[in-house]
Amino acid sequence: MSDAGQQMELPLDDDDRDFFELYVKNGRREFVRHVSFLKADCLNDAEDEISSVLPDYWKTMSVRPVEVEYVWKTYEELHVSYMICKSLLKLI
């Protein structure tokens, strides 16, 4: 993890924009699962960027601000899951 922590700091410091997460929500607007991350100056800009690609996203998804540590933690979890799936499918 020490190498990963060093890598995390390098490319992310160049951009002053904030991190946002597009996620699937349930009927009570609660988090169900991760969809994607993006960077924007503010929440409104992030929502505008998403709506330009997915105009009806708001019906089943939402956008929320997140910290860089959460982005990194999610990346690690997804990478581990990806590697397990590759192994199970004998793709390695």
N, C-alpha and C. Protein backbone atom coordinates (compact mmCIF):
# COMPACT_ATOMS: atom_id res chain seq x y z
N MET A 1 0.83 -1.20 0.00
CA MET A 1 0.00 0.00 0.00
C MET A 1 0.86 1.25 0.00
N SER A 2 2.10 1.17 0.46
CA SER A 2 2.92 2.37 0.50
C SER A 2 3.19 2.91 -0.90
N ASP A 3 3.45 2.04 -1.87
CA ASP A 3 3.63 2.49 -3.25
C ASP A 3 2.35 3.10 -3.79
N ALA A 4 1.23 2.49 -3.47
CA ALA A 4 -0.05 3.01 -3.95
C ALA A 4 -0.35 4.37 -3.34
N GLY A 5 0.00 4.55 -2.08
CA GLY A 5 -0.22 5.84 -1.44
C GLY A 5 0.60 6.93 -2.09
N GLN A 6 1.83 6.60 -2.47
CA GLN A 6 2.67 7.58 -3.16
C GLN A 6 2.10 7.90 -4.53
N GLN A 7 1.65 6.89 -5.26
CA GLN A 7 1.07 7.10 -6.57
C GLN A 7 -0.19 7.93 -6.46
N MET A 8 -0.97 7.74 -5.41
CA MET A 8 -2.22 8.47 -5.25
C MET A 8 -1.97 9.97 -5.15
N GLU A 9 -0.92 10.38 -4.49
CA GLU A 9 -0.66 11.80 -4.28
C GLU A 9 -0.20 12.50 -5.56
N LEU A 10 0.57 11.84 -6.39
CA LEU A 10 1.19 12.51 -7.52
C LEU A 10 0.21 13.08 -8.54
N PRO A 11 -0.63 12.28 -9.19
CA PRO A 11 -1.47 12.86 -10.24
C PRO A 11 -2.64 13.67 -9.72
N LEU A 12 -3.04 13.48 -8.49
CA LEU A 12 -4.25 14.13 -7.99
C LEU A 12 -4.00 15.54 -7.49
N ASP A 13 -2.76 15.89 -7.20
CA ASP A 13 -2.46 17.22 -6.68
C ASP A 13 -2.47 18.30 -7.75
N ASP A 14 -2.41 17.94 -9.02
CA ASP A 14 -2.32 18.91 -10.11
C ASP A 14 -3.64 19.60 -10.40
N ASP A 15 -4.73 19.07 -9.93
CA ASP A 15 -6.06 19.56 -10.29
C ASP A 15 -6.80 20.00 -9.02
N ASP A 16 -7.23 21.25 -8.99
CA ASP A 16 -7.89 21.79 -7.80
C ASP A 16 -9.38 21.47 -7.72
N ARG A 17 -9.91 20.81 -8.74
CA ARG A 17 -11.34 20.50 -8.74
C ARG A 17 -11.65 19.43 -7.70
N ASP A 18 -12.91 19.35 -7.30
CA ASP A 18 -13.35 18.38 -6.29
C ASP A 18 -13.77 17.07 -6.94
N PHE A 19 -13.80 16.02 -6.13
CA PHE A 19 -14.24 14.70 -6.58
C PHE A 19 -15.72 14.53 -6.29
N PHE A 20 -16.41 13.88 -7.23
CA PHE A 20 -17.83 13.56 -7.08
C PHE A 20 -18.06 12.12 -7.53
N GLU A 21 -19.08 11.51 -6.95
CA GLU A 21 -19.41 10.14 -7.29
C GLU A 21 -20.82 10.08 -7.84
N LEU A 22 -20.96 9.42 -8.98
CA LEU A 22 -22.27 9.09 -9.52
C LEU A 22 -22.62 7.72 -8.94
N TYR A 23 -23.80 7.61 -8.34
CA TYR A 23 -24.17 6.35 -7.71
C TYR A 23 -25.64 6.04 -7.94
N VAL A 24 -25.97 4.77 -7.90
CA VAL A 24 -27.36 4.31 -7.99
C VAL A 24 -27.99 4.51 -6.62
N LYS A 25 -29.22 5.03 -6.63
CA LYS A 25 -29.92 5.29 -5.36
C LYS A 25 -31.18 4.44 -5.28
N ASN A 26 -31.67 4.26 -4.05
CA ASN A 26 -32.95 3.58 -3.87
C ASN A 26 -34.06 4.61 -3.78
N GLY A 27 -35.27 4.21 -3.46
CA GLY A 27 -36.42 5.11 -3.39
C GLY A 27 -36.30 6.19 -2.34
N ARG A 28 -35.44 5.97 -1.35
CA ARG A 28 -35.23 6.99 -0.30
C ARG A 28 -33.98 7.81 -0.55
N ARG A 29 -33.47 7.76 -1.78
CA ARG A 29 -32.26 8.48 -2.21
C ARG A 29 -31.00 8.01 -1.47
N GLU A 30 -31.02 6.79 -0.96
CA GLU A 30 -29.87 6.24 -0.26
C GLU A 30 -28.95 5.53 -1.25
N PHE A 31 -27.67 5.53 -0.94
CA PHE A 31 -26.66 4.87 -1.76
C PHE A 31 -26.95 3.39 -1.91
N VAL A 32 -26.88 2.90 -3.16
CA VAL A 32 -27.02 1.47 -3.43
C VAL A 32 -25.70 0.91 -3.96
N ARG A 33 -25.14 1.54 -5.01
CA ARG A 33 -23.86 1.09 -5.55
C ARG A 33 -23.17 2.18 -6.35
N HIS A 34 -21.88 2.07 -6.42
CA HIS A 34 -21.03 3.02 -7.15
C HIS A 34 -21.23 2.85 -8.66
N VAL A 35 -21.20 3.98 -9.40
CA VAL A 35 -21.24 3.93 -10.86
C VAL A 35 -19.94 4.50 -11.43
N SER A 36 -19.60 5.74 -11.04
CA SER A 36 -18.43 6.38 -11.62
C SER A 36 -17.98 7.56 -10.75
N PHE A 37 -16.72 7.97 -10.95
CA PHE A 37 -16.21 9.17 -10.32
C PHE A 37 -15.96 10.23 -11.38
N LEU A 38 -16.04 11.49 -10.99
CA LEU A 38 -15.68 12.57 -11.88
C LEU A 38 -15.15 13.73 -11.05
N LYS A 39 -14.49 14.66 -11.73
CA LYS A 39 -13.99 15.86 -11.07
C LYS A 39 -14.70 17.06 -11.67
N ALA A 40 -15.04 18.01 -10.81
CA ALA A 40 -15.72 19.23 -11.24
C ALA A 40 -15.44 20.32 -10.21
N ASP A 41 -15.75 21.54 -10.60
CA ASP A 41 -15.54 22.67 -9.69
C ASP A 41 -16.56 22.72 -8.56
N CYS A 42 -17.78 22.23 -8.84
CA CYS A 42 -18.82 22.24 -7.82
C CYS A 42 -19.85 21.16 -8.16
N LEU A 43 -20.76 20.90 -7.22
CA LEU A 43 -21.78 19.87 -7.42
C LEU A 43 -22.64 20.17 -8.64
N ASN A 44 -23.01 21.42 -8.84
CA ASN A 44 -23.83 21.77 -10.01
C ASN A 44 -23.12 21.44 -11.32
N ASP A 45 -21.82 21.73 -11.39
CA ASP A 45 -21.05 21.39 -12.59
C ASP A 45 -20.97 19.88 -12.80
N ALA A 46 -20.82 19.14 -11.72
CA ALA A 46 -20.78 17.67 -11.81
C ALA A 46 -22.11 17.14 -12.33
N GLU A 47 -23.21 17.66 -11.80
CA GLU A 47 -24.54 17.22 -12.26
C GLU A 47 -24.77 17.60 -13.72
N ASP A 48 -24.31 18.78 -14.12
CA ASP A 48 -24.44 19.20 -15.52
C ASP A 48 -23.65 18.28 -16.45
N GLU A 49 -22.45 17.91 -16.02
CA GLU A 49 -21.61 17.02 -16.83
C GLU A 49 -22.29 15.65 -17.00
N ILE A 50 -22.83 15.12 -15.92
CA ILE A 50 -23.52 13.83 -16.00
C ILE A 50 -24.76 13.94 -16.87
N SER A 51 -25.55 14.99 -16.69
CA SER A 51 -26.80 15.12 -17.45
C SER A 51 -26.56 15.33 -18.94
N SER A 52 -25.38 15.81 -19.31
CA SER A 52 -25.09 15.95 -20.74
C SER A 52 -24.88 14.59 -21.40
N VAL A 53 -24.50 13.59 -20.61
CA VAL A 53 -24.29 12.24 -21.14
C VAL A 53 -25.49 11.35 -20.85
N LEU A 54 -26.07 11.49 -19.66
CA LEU A 54 -27.22 10.69 -19.22
C LEU A 54 -28.33 11.63 -18.76
N PRO A 55 -29.14 12.16 -19.69
CA PRO A 55 -30.13 13.18 -19.32
C PRO A 55 -31.13 12.74 -18.24
N ASP A 56 -31.45 11.47 -18.17
CA ASP A 56 -32.42 10.99 -17.19
C ASP A 56 -31.77 10.32 -15.98
N TYR A 57 -30.49 10.62 -15.75
CA TYR A 57 -29.77 9.94 -14.65
C TYR A 57 -30.46 10.14 -13.30
N TRP A 58 -31.04 11.30 -13.10
CA TRP A 58 -31.62 11.67 -11.80
C TRP A 58 -32.77 10.75 -11.37
N LYS A 59 -33.34 9.98 -12.30
CA LYS A 59 -34.45 9.08 -11.95
C LYS A 59 -33.97 7.91 -11.10
N THR A 60 -32.77 7.41 -11.37
CA THR A 60 -32.27 6.24 -10.65
C THR A 60 -30.90 6.45 -10.02
N MET A 61 -30.28 7.59 -10.30
CA MET A 61 -28.93 7.85 -9.79
C MET A 61 -28.86 9.24 -9.18
N SER A 62 -27.76 9.47 -8.47
CA SER A 62 -27.53 10.78 -7.88
C SER A 62 -26.03 11.04 -7.86
N VAL A 63 -25.65 12.28 -7.57
CA VAL A 63 -24.24 12.68 -7.50
C VAL A 63 -23.98 13.23 -6.11
N ARG A 64 -22.82 12.87 -5.56
CA ARG A 64 -22.46 13.39 -4.24
C ARG A 64 -20.97 13.71 -4.20
N PRO A 65 -20.58 14.69 -3.40
CA PRO A 65 -19.15 14.99 -3.24
C PRO A 65 -18.50 13.91 -2.39
N VAL A 66 -17.26 13.57 -2.73
CA VAL A 66 -16.50 12.57 -1.97
C VAL A 66 -15.07 13.05 -1.79
N GLU A 67 -14.40 12.49 -0.81
CA GLU A 67 -13.00 12.80 -0.54
C GLU A 67 -12.09 11.89 -1.36
N VAL A 68 -10.88 12.33 -1.61
CA VAL A 68 -9.93 11.55 -2.40
C VAL A 68 -9.65 10.20 -1.75
N GLU A 69 -9.66 10.13 -0.43
CA GLU A 69 -9.43 8.85 0.26
C GLU A 69 -10.51 7.84 -0.09
N TYR A 70 -11.74 8.29 -0.22
CA TYR A 70 -12.85 7.41 -0.59
C TYR A 70 -12.67 6.92 -2.03
N VAL A 71 -12.22 7.81 -2.91
CA VAL A 71 -11.96 7.42 -4.31
C VAL A 71 -10.91 6.31 -4.34
N TRP A 72 -9.85 6.51 -3.59
CA TRP A 72 -8.78 5.52 -3.56
C TRP A 72 -9.25 4.20 -2.96
N LYS A 73 -10.00 4.25 -1.86
CA LYS A 73 -10.51 3.03 -1.22
C LYS A 73 -11.42 2.26 -2.19
N THR A 74 -12.27 2.97 -2.90
CA THR A 74 -13.17 2.33 -3.86
C THR A 74 -12.37 1.70 -5.00
N TYR A 75 -11.36 2.42 -5.47
CA TYR A 75 -10.49 1.87 -6.52
C TYR A 75 -9.87 0.55 -6.06
N GLU A 76 -9.32 0.53 -4.85
CA GLU A 76 -8.69 -0.69 -4.34
C GLU A 76 -9.69 -1.84 -4.26
N GLU A 77 -10.90 -1.56 -3.75
CA GLU A 77 -11.92 -2.61 -3.64
C GLU A 77 -12.33 -3.13 -5.01
N LEU A 78 -12.52 -2.24 -5.96
CA LEU A 78 -12.90 -2.67 -7.31
C LEU A 78 -11.77 -3.45 -7.99
N HIS A 79 -10.54 -3.04 -7.75
CA HIS A 79 -9.40 -3.74 -8.35
C HIS A 79 -9.30 -5.16 -7.80
N VAL A 80 -9.47 -5.32 -6.50
CA VAL A 80 -9.43 -6.66 -5.89
C VAL A 80 -10.55 -7.52 -6.47
N SER A 81 -11.74 -6.99 -6.58
CA SER A 81 -12.87 -7.74 -7.15
C SER A 81 -12.59 -8.13 -8.60
N TYR A 82 -12.04 -7.19 -9.35
CA TYR A 82 -11.69 -7.44 -10.75
C TYR A 82 -10.69 -8.59 -10.86
N MET A 83 -9.66 -8.57 -10.02
CA MET A 83 -8.63 -9.62 -10.07
C MET A 83 -9.20 -10.98 -9.67
N ILE A 84 -10.10 -11.00 -8.71
CA ILE A 84 -10.73 -12.26 -8.31
C ILE A 84 -11.57 -12.81 -9.46
N CYS A 85 -12.34 -11.95 -10.11
CA CYS A 85 -13.16 -12.38 -11.24
C CYS A 85 -12.30 -12.91 -12.38
N LYS A 86 -11.20 -12.23 -12.68
CA LYS A 86 -10.29 -12.70 -13.73
C LYS A 86 -9.75 -14.08 -13.39
N SER A 87 -9.40 -14.26 -12.13
CA SER A 87 -8.86 -15.54 -11.71
C SER A 87 -9.90 -16.65 -11.81
N LEU A 88 -11.11 -16.35 -11.36
CA LEU A 88 -12.19 -17.35 -11.41
C LEU A 88 -12.55 -17.73 -12.84
N LEU A 89 -12.44 -16.77 -13.73
CA LEU A 89 -12.77 -17.03 -15.15
C LEU A 89 -11.57 -17.54 -15.93
N LYS A 90 -10.48 -17.74 -15.22
CA LYS A 90 -9.25 -18.25 -15.83
C LYS A 90 -8.74 -17.33 -16.94
N LEU A 91 -8.80 -16.03 -16.71
CA LEU A 91 -8.35 -15.05 -17.70
C LEU A 91 -6.94 -14.55 -17.40
N ILE A 92 -6.37 -15.01 -16.29
CA ILE A 92 -5.01 -14.55 -15.93
C ILE A 92 -3.99 -15.48 -16.56
